Amino acid sequence: MFESRCGVSCGTCARKDEVKCVGCVSMTIPFWGGKCGVKSCCEERGLDHCGTCVEFPCKMLSEIGKDQGYDPAPRLERLVEWAKH
């Protein structure tokens, strides 16, 4: 079962309650009130998450969070696993 479009593990996110996030799969607009390119891309293509995209992993997906010091590898690995199910 997937938790997000980009591979974030929402169930273990320490900030989830703090920012009142219920996960991008359930939200119309991201908790920060802006637009998420990954969420929009998946929804426009009719995909549950990026792991099932023929362009996986695209540059946009691979760069998310890097500027904040996050390593994208765990998210990308999680998406590969989700795509298997």
C-alpha atoms as a PDB file:
ATOM      1  CA  MET A   1       0.000   0.000   0.000  1.00  0.00           C
ATOM      2  CA  PHE A   2       1.395   3.378  -0.942  1.00  0.00           C
ATOM      3  CA  GLU A   3       1.329   6.348   1.448  1.00  0.00           C
ATOM      4  CA  SER A   4       2.304   9.254  -0.780  1.00  0.00           C
ATOM      5  CA  ARG A   5       2.932  10.170  -4.386  1.00  0.00           C
ATOM      6  CA  CYS A   6       6.686  10.791  -3.954  1.00  0.00           C
ATOM      7  CA  GLY A   7       7.644   7.943  -1.619  1.00  0.00           C
ATOM      8  CA  VAL A   8       7.546   9.777   1.696  1.00  0.00           C
ATOM      9  CA  SER A   9       6.561   7.414   4.473  1.00  0.00           C
ATOM     10  CA  CYS A  10       3.710   9.437   5.952  1.00  0.00           C
ATOM     11  CA  GLY A  11       3.132   6.979   8.796  1.00  0.00           C
ATOM     12  CA  THR A  12       6.577   7.627  10.254  1.00  0.00           C
ATOM     13  CA  CYS A  13       6.798  11.369   9.521  1.00  0.00           C
ATOM     14  CA  ALA A  14       7.682  13.252  12.709  1.00  0.00           C
ATOM     15  CA  ARG A  15       6.167  16.491  11.377  1.00  0.00           C
ATOM     16  CA  LYS A  16       2.811  15.009  10.339  1.00  0.00           C
ATOM     17  CA  ASP A  17       0.859  16.106  13.418  1.00  0.00           C
ATOM     18  CA  GLU A  18       2.741  19.376  13.806  1.00  0.00           C
ATOM     19  CA  VAL A  19       1.756  20.600  10.331  1.00  0.00           C
ATOM     20  CA  LYS A  20      -1.633  18.811  10.345  1.00  0.00           C
ATOM     21  CA  CYS A  21      -0.817  16.767   7.278  1.00  0.00           C
ATOM     22  CA  VAL A  22      -3.107  13.889   6.349  1.00  0.00           C
ATOM     23  CA  GLY A  23      -1.018  12.874   3.351  1.00  0.00           C
ATOM     24  CA  CYS A  24      -1.034  14.062  -0.232  1.00  0.00           C
ATOM     25  CA  VAL A  25      -3.119  11.138  -1.420  1.00  0.00           C
ATOM     26  CA  SER A  26      -6.014  12.386   0.746  1.00  0.00           C
ATOM     27  CA  MET A  27      -5.439  16.134   0.428  1.00  0.00           C
ATOM     28  CA  THR A  28      -6.694  18.393  -2.332  1.00  0.00           C
ATOM     29  CA  ILE A  29      -4.039  20.997  -1.557  1.00  0.00           C
ATOM     30  CA  PRO A  30      -0.740  20.248   0.258  1.00  0.00           C
ATOM     31  CA  PHE A  31      -0.595  21.290   3.913  1.00  0.00           C
ATOM     32  CA  TRP A  32       1.598  24.289   3.071  1.00  0.00           C
ATOM     33  CA  GLY A  33      -1.108  25.661   0.785  1.00  0.00           C
ATOM     34  CA  GLY A  34       1.006  25.715  -2.359  1.00  0.00           C
ATOM     35  CA  LYS A  35       1.278  23.333  -5.260  1.00  0.00           C
ATOM     36  CA  CYS A  36       3.250  20.107  -5.308  1.00  0.00           C
ATOM     37  CA  GLY A  37       4.573  19.307  -8.757  1.00  0.00           C
ATOM     38  CA  VAL A  38       4.887  15.605  -7.988  1.00  0.00           C
ATOM     39  CA  LYS A  39       1.336  15.343  -6.668  1.00  0.00           C
ATOM     40  CA  SER A  40      -0.015  17.236  -9.684  1.00  0.00           C
ATOM     41  CA  CYS A  41       2.005  15.158 -12.145  1.00  0.00           C
ATOM     42  CA  CYS A  42       0.785  11.855 -10.687  1.00  0.00           C
ATOM     43  CA  GLU A  43      -2.818  12.995 -10.638  1.00  0.00           C
ATOM     44  CA  GLU A  44      -2.656  14.318 -14.216  1.00  0.00           C
ATOM     45  CA  ARG A  45      -1.240  10.972 -15.385  1.00  0.00           C
ATOM     46  CA  GLY A  46      -3.691   8.917 -13.321  1.00  0.00           C
ATOM     47  CA  LEU A  47      -0.898   7.354 -11.225  1.00  0.00           C
ATOM     48  CA  ASP A  48      -1.117   6.370  -7.573  1.00  0.00           C
ATOM     49  CA  HIS A  49       2.551   7.256  -7.092  1.00  0.00           C
ATOM     50  CA  CYS A  50       5.738   7.948  -9.026  1.00  0.00           C
ATOM     51  CA  GLY A  51       6.980   4.369  -8.790  1.00  0.00           C
ATOM     52  CA  THR A  52       4.565   3.331 -11.535  1.00  0.00           C
ATOM     53  CA  CYS A  53       5.587   6.090 -13.949  1.00  0.00           C
ATOM     54  CA  VAL A  54       7.431   5.208 -17.160  1.00  0.00           C
ATOM     55  CA  GLU A  55       9.743   8.187 -16.500  1.00  0.00           C
ATOM     56  CA  PHE A  56      10.680   7.031 -12.975  1.00  0.00           C
ATOM     57  CA  PRO A  57      12.796   8.466 -11.505  1.00  0.00           C
ATOM     58  CA  CYS A  58      12.450  11.877 -13.107  1.00  0.00           C
ATOM     59  CA  LYS A  59      14.565  14.882 -12.184  1.00  0.00           C
ATOM     60  CA  MET A  60      11.749  16.583 -10.247  1.00  0.00           C
ATOM     61  CA  LEU A  61      11.229  13.516  -8.047  1.00  0.00           C
ATOM     62  CA  SER A  62      14.954  12.959  -7.553  1.00  0.00           C
ATOM     63  CA  GLU A  63      15.581  16.543  -6.442  1.00  0.00           C
ATOM     64  CA  ILE A  64      12.783  16.935  -3.861  1.00  0.00           C
ATOM     65  CA  GLY A  65      14.176  17.763  -0.437  1.00  0.00           C
ATOM     66  CA  LYS A  66      17.838  17.838  -1.466  1.00  0.00           C
ATOM     67  CA  ASP A  67      17.988  21.578  -0.813  1.00  0.00           C
ATOM     68  CA  GLN A  68      16.845  20.854   2.756  1.00  0.00           C
ATOM     69  CA  GLY A  69      19.425  18.122   3.281  1.00  0.00           C
ATOM     70  CA  TYR A  70      17.206  15.079   2.679  1.00  0.00           C
ATOM     71  CA  ASP A  71      18.578  12.041   0.876  1.00  0.00           C
ATOM     72  CA  PRO A  72      16.173  10.980  -1.901  1.00  0.00           C
ATOM     73  CA  ALA A  73      17.399   7.354  -1.963  1.00  0.00           C
ATOM     74  CA  PRO A  74      15.019   5.992   0.730  1.00  0.00           C
ATOM     75  CA  ARG A  75      12.002   7.532  -1.017  1.00  0.00           C
ATOM     76  CA  LEU A  76      13.042   6.175  -4.392  1.00  0.00           C
ATOM     77  CA  GLU A  77      13.635   2.702  -2.945  1.00  0.00           C
ATOM     78  CA  ARG A  78      10.241   2.812  -1.240  1.00  0.00           C
ATOM     79  CA  LEU A  79       8.563   3.710  -4.548  1.00  0.00           C
ATOM     80  CA  VAL A  80      10.209   0.720  -6.232  1.00  0.00           C
ATOM     81  CA  GLU A  81       8.791  -1.515  -3.486  1.00  0.00           C
ATOM     82  CA  TRP A  82       5.316   0.039  -3.720  1.00  0.00           C
ATOM     83  CA  ALA A  83       5.341  -0.492  -7.497  1.00  0.00           C
ATOM     84  CA  LYS A  84       5.805  -4.232  -6.962  1.00  0.00           C
ATOM     85  CA  HIS A  85       2.424  -4.524  -5.219  1.00  0.00           C
END
